[in-house]
Amino acid sequence: MKCGICKAGMEEKTVTYTEDVAEGVIVVRHVPAQICTACGNTWYSGTVAAELEKLVDCFASSVG
């Protein structure tokens, strides 16, 4: 896989995903991602992105 921004190579790593939601912050550790070896941009697979979106939506609905 090549980076969609700079076209350099990507490597599989785990990252910590954070997002501000309403009155709180979501922190998810050990999230699988592709990281660009040149620019550091982070890419998530469709499956991982969908799971993160579910977590964010669930959290947002519980605090709002």
N, C-alpha and C. Protein backbone atom coordinates (compact mmCIF):
# COMPACT_ATOMS: atom_id res chain seq x y z
N MET A 1 0.85 -1.18 0.00
CA MET A 1 0.00 0.00 0.00
C MET A 1 0.89 1.24 0.00
N LYS A 2 0.49 2.23 -0.75
CA LYS A 2 1.20 3.52 -0.81
C LYS A 2 0.36 4.60 -0.14
N CYS A 3 1.02 5.57 0.44
CA CYS A 3 0.35 6.70 1.09
C CYS A 3 -0.46 7.49 0.06
N GLY A 4 -1.68 7.81 0.42
CA GLY A 4 -2.54 8.59 -0.47
C GLY A 4 -2.13 10.05 -0.56
N ILE A 5 -1.25 10.51 0.32
CA ILE A 5 -0.80 11.90 0.33
C ILE A 5 0.53 12.04 -0.42
N CYS A 6 1.55 11.29 0.02
CA CYS A 6 2.90 11.50 -0.53
C CYS A 6 3.41 10.32 -1.37
N LYS A 7 2.62 9.24 -1.42
CA LYS A 7 2.94 8.04 -2.22
C LYS A 7 4.10 7.20 -1.69
N ALA A 8 4.56 7.48 -0.48
CA ALA A 8 5.62 6.66 0.14
C ALA A 8 5.01 5.36 0.67
N GLY A 9 5.85 4.47 1.16
CA GLY A 9 5.39 3.20 1.69
C GLY A 9 4.68 3.36 3.02
N MET A 10 3.89 2.33 3.34
CA MET A 10 3.14 2.31 4.60
C MET A 10 3.61 1.11 5.41
N GLU A 11 3.48 1.22 6.75
CA GLU A 11 3.77 0.07 7.60
C GLU A 11 2.66 -0.10 8.62
N GLU A 12 2.39 -1.36 8.94
CA GLU A 12 1.35 -1.70 9.91
C GLU A 12 1.87 -1.45 11.32
N LYS A 13 1.09 -0.70 12.10
CA LYS A 13 1.42 -0.42 13.50
C LYS A 13 0.12 -0.36 14.28
N THR A 14 0.24 -0.27 15.58
CA THR A 14 -0.92 0.05 16.40
C THR A 14 -0.74 1.46 16.93
N VAL A 15 -1.85 2.19 17.01
CA VAL A 15 -1.82 3.59 17.42
C VAL A 15 -2.85 3.82 18.51
N THR A 16 -2.79 4.97 19.12
CA THR A 16 -3.82 5.42 20.05
C THR A 16 -4.70 6.43 19.33
N TYR A 17 -5.99 6.11 19.25
CA TYR A 17 -6.96 6.97 18.57
C TYR A 17 -7.65 7.84 19.61
N THR A 18 -7.69 9.15 19.39
CA THR A 18 -8.40 10.05 20.29
C THR A 18 -9.34 10.93 19.50
N GLU A 19 -10.46 11.27 20.12
CA GLU A 19 -11.41 12.17 19.48
C GLU A 19 -12.20 12.92 20.55
N ASP A 20 -12.32 14.23 20.36
CA ASP A 20 -13.15 15.06 21.23
C ASP A 20 -14.61 14.85 20.85
N VAL A 21 -15.44 14.53 21.84
CA VAL A 21 -16.86 14.34 21.59
C VAL A 21 -17.64 15.00 22.72
N ALA A 22 -18.53 15.92 22.36
CA ALA A 22 -19.39 16.59 23.34
C ALA A 22 -18.55 17.11 24.51
N GLU A 23 -18.80 16.58 25.69
CA GLU A 23 -18.10 17.04 26.89
C GLU A 23 -16.98 16.10 27.33
N GLY A 24 -16.49 15.29 26.42
CA GLY A 24 -15.47 14.33 26.81
C GLY A 24 -14.50 14.02 25.69
N VAL A 25 -13.62 13.09 25.97
CA VAL A 25 -12.62 12.64 25.01
C VAL A 25 -12.63 11.11 24.98
N ILE A 26 -12.65 10.57 23.78
CA ILE A 26 -12.55 9.12 23.61
C ILE A 26 -11.09 8.78 23.35
N VAL A 27 -10.58 7.77 24.05
CA VAL A 27 -9.22 7.28 23.84
C VAL A 27 -9.32 5.77 23.63
N VAL A 28 -8.83 5.32 22.47
CA VAL A 28 -8.82 3.89 22.16
C VAL A 28 -7.37 3.50 21.87
N ARG A 29 -6.84 2.62 22.68
CA ARG A 29 -5.44 2.21 22.52
C ARG A 29 -5.35 0.94 21.66
N HIS A 30 -4.18 0.74 21.09
CA HIS A 30 -3.88 -0.47 20.32
C HIS A 30 -4.77 -0.65 19.09
N VAL A 31 -4.99 0.44 18.36
CA VAL A 31 -5.81 0.40 17.15
C VAL A 31 -4.90 0.08 15.96
N PRO A 32 -5.22 -0.97 15.18
CA PRO A 32 -4.39 -1.27 14.01
C PRO A 32 -4.55 -0.20 12.94
N ALA A 33 -3.43 0.20 12.35
CA ALA A 33 -3.46 1.26 11.33
C ALA A 33 -2.27 1.10 10.40
N GLN A 34 -2.36 1.74 9.26
CA GLN A 34 -1.25 1.85 8.32
C GLN A 34 -0.67 3.25 8.51
N ILE A 35 0.63 3.33 8.75
CA ILE A 35 1.30 4.61 8.98
C ILE A 35 2.29 4.85 7.85
N CYS A 36 2.25 6.04 7.26
CA CYS A 36 3.19 6.39 6.19
C CYS A 36 4.60 6.53 6.77
N THR A 37 5.56 5.91 6.10
CA THR A 37 6.94 5.95 6.58
C THR A 37 7.61 7.30 6.32
N ALA A 38 7.01 8.13 5.46
CA ALA A 38 7.60 9.44 5.14
C ALA A 38 6.88 10.59 5.86
N CYS A 39 5.57 10.71 5.67
CA CYS A 39 4.85 11.87 6.21
C CYS A 39 4.12 11.57 7.52
N GLY A 40 4.02 10.28 7.90
CA GLY A 40 3.40 9.93 9.17
C GLY A 40 1.88 9.90 9.16
N ASN A 41 1.26 10.10 8.00
CA ASN A 41 -0.19 10.09 7.93
C ASN A 41 -0.72 8.71 8.34
N THR A 42 -1.88 8.70 9.00
CA THR A 42 -2.47 7.46 9.51
C THR A 42 -3.69 7.09 8.69
N TRP A 43 -3.77 5.81 8.31
CA TRP A 43 -4.90 5.27 7.55
C TRP A 43 -5.45 4.07 8.29
N TYR A 44 -6.80 3.99 8.39
CA TYR A 44 -7.46 2.86 9.02
C TYR A 44 -8.20 2.05 7.96
N SER A 45 -8.25 0.73 8.14
CA SER A 45 -9.04 -0.09 7.22
C SER A 45 -10.51 0.27 7.38
N GLY A 46 -11.32 -0.13 6.42
CA GLY A 46 -12.75 0.14 6.50
C GLY A 46 -13.39 -0.47 7.73
N THR A 47 -12.96 -1.68 8.08
CA THR A 47 -13.49 -2.37 9.24
C THR A 47 -13.15 -1.64 10.53
N VAL A 48 -11.90 -1.24 10.66
CA VAL A 48 -11.46 -0.51 11.86
C VAL A 48 -12.16 0.84 11.94
N ALA A 49 -12.25 1.55 10.82
CA ALA A 49 -12.92 2.86 10.81
C ALA A 49 -14.38 2.72 11.23
N ALA A 50 -15.05 1.67 10.76
CA ALA A 50 -16.46 1.45 11.13
C ALA A 50 -16.61 1.19 12.62
N GLU A 51 -15.69 0.40 13.20
CA GLU A 51 -15.73 0.13 14.64
C GLU A 51 -15.47 1.40 15.46
N LEU A 52 -14.53 2.21 15.01
CA LEU A 52 -14.26 3.48 15.70
C LEU A 52 -15.47 4.39 15.63
N GLU A 53 -16.12 4.43 14.47
CA GLU A 53 -17.31 5.26 14.31
C GLU A 53 -18.43 4.80 15.25
N LYS A 54 -18.60 3.49 15.40
CA LYS A 54 -19.61 2.96 16.32
C LYS A 54 -19.31 3.40 17.76
N LEU A 55 -18.04 3.31 18.16
CA LEU A 55 -17.66 3.73 19.51
C LEU A 55 -17.94 5.21 19.74
N VAL A 56 -17.59 6.03 18.77
CA VAL A 56 -17.81 7.47 18.89
C VAL A 56 -19.31 7.77 18.97
N ASP A 57 -20.09 7.14 18.10
CA ASP A 57 -21.54 7.37 18.10
C ASP A 57 -22.17 6.93 19.43
N CYS A 58 -21.74 5.78 19.94
CA CYS A 58 -22.26 5.27 21.22
C CYS A 58 -21.93 6.23 22.36
N PHE A 59 -20.69 6.68 22.40
CA PHE A 59 -20.27 7.63 23.43
C PHE A 59 -21.04 8.94 23.32
N ALA A 60 -21.16 9.46 22.10
CA ALA A 60 -21.85 10.74 21.88
C ALA A 60 -23.31 10.65 22.30
N SER A 61 -23.96 9.53 22.03
CA SER A 61 -25.37 9.39 22.40
C SER A 61 -25.55 9.22 23.91
N SER A 62 -24.52 8.70 24.59
CA SER A 62 -24.64 8.51 26.04
C SER A 62 -24.39 9.81 26.83
N VAL A 63 -23.69 10.77 26.23
CA VAL A 63 -23.43 12.03 26.94
C VAL A 63 -24.31 13.16 26.45
N GLY A 64 -25.00 12.96 25.36
CA GLY A 64 -25.81 14.04 24.78
C GLY A 64 -27.22 13.81 25.00
